[in-house]
Amino acid sequence: MLSLVRKPWLHFVVLGSCLFILDRTYYPEPKPTLGPPNAERVILQEQALAMLQTGDLSTVQRRAIQDRELRDELLFIEALDRGLIERDTVVQRRLIRNMRFLDPTTEKTDQQLLSEAYDMRLHLADEVIRRRTVQLMETLIAAGSGIPAPTDAELATRYDAESASFNEPRYFSFQQVFSRQEASQERRDGLQAAIDGDLDPSDARAASDVFLAGYQFSRLSERAMAQQFGVAFAEAVAQSEWPLAEWVGPIDSVFGQHWLWFERITEPRTPELAEVSDQLLRDMMREREDQAVSDWVATVIDGYEVRYQ
């Protein structure tokens, strides 16, 4: 044992090991950088959100947009490292199309153009490819996370908590004939005669003025009617009781006067769990997949030096 201690090579190994440990402890390898967020994409997202909420963004909202941009950049980088772009036929077809757009007369093969596109790094500058690649990475993470499907009990609990969100309004299905505000009296008299004669909607339509949205409407809510005919018309229809299969009206709108032939009126209802279980299942799985991606990003981003500016 004493002879080993006196060996110079052993001193060299021990000293080298100590220096290596100290170097790794106090001078670790620098982390790869992530960011700063792409300024152009951030500005576009801020403008879109400001228009949607018709007001200035808060500091929290601006930071959330930057965080989202960094998240997508991280997913894009990690996807590149895994070679997802090189294996995706959708991306390959877009790169080849872009290359042929740049040189429509080229006689090069698709494979040659694809190779040149990678050499030119076109895949790094194409926003469509970037979005596609981020989605591929999200799908890969979710698929590898072993996410369990919601149980029947979980679906029932979610339904009980959110059943009000599935409430269906009163729906109206009807046919119409129409008289424009500026229609002549002769035209109005002809339309009224068709209605008084109890003509069915298809026959009475010959006396109607042209209505661009059409003459037959199915399952319109009050909100949908307001979009088609105006608020006053929608309120008049939705807040009254109507007989089926006979003419009623006239009901005024911003366009003129309407006579309606109601075919069906569906009263408000809350669908049963069985009717919305597929939608609930999709929503809950999407939430779990989003959470799996967020958890993955939170773990992997620790390996980067994140820069906001």
Foldseek 3Di string as FASTA:
>chain_A
DVVVVPDPVVVVVVVVVVVVVVCCVPPNDAFAAFDQFDPVVLVVVLVVVCVVVVHHDDPVVSVVSRVVRSLLSVLLVVLVVVVVLVVDVVNLVVQLVVQCVVPVPDPDDSVVSSVVSVVVVVCVVDPVSSVVSSVVSLVVLLVPPPDDFDDPVRLVVVCVVCLVVQKDAKWFWKFKAFDFPPHDPVLVVLLVVCQVVLPFRVVSNVSGDDDPVHGTDGGAALVNCCVRFNNQQSCVVRVDDDDAQHWDDQGDTPGHTMIIHTHDIDHMDGDDSVVCVVVSRVVVSVVVSVVSSVVVSVVVCVSHHYDND
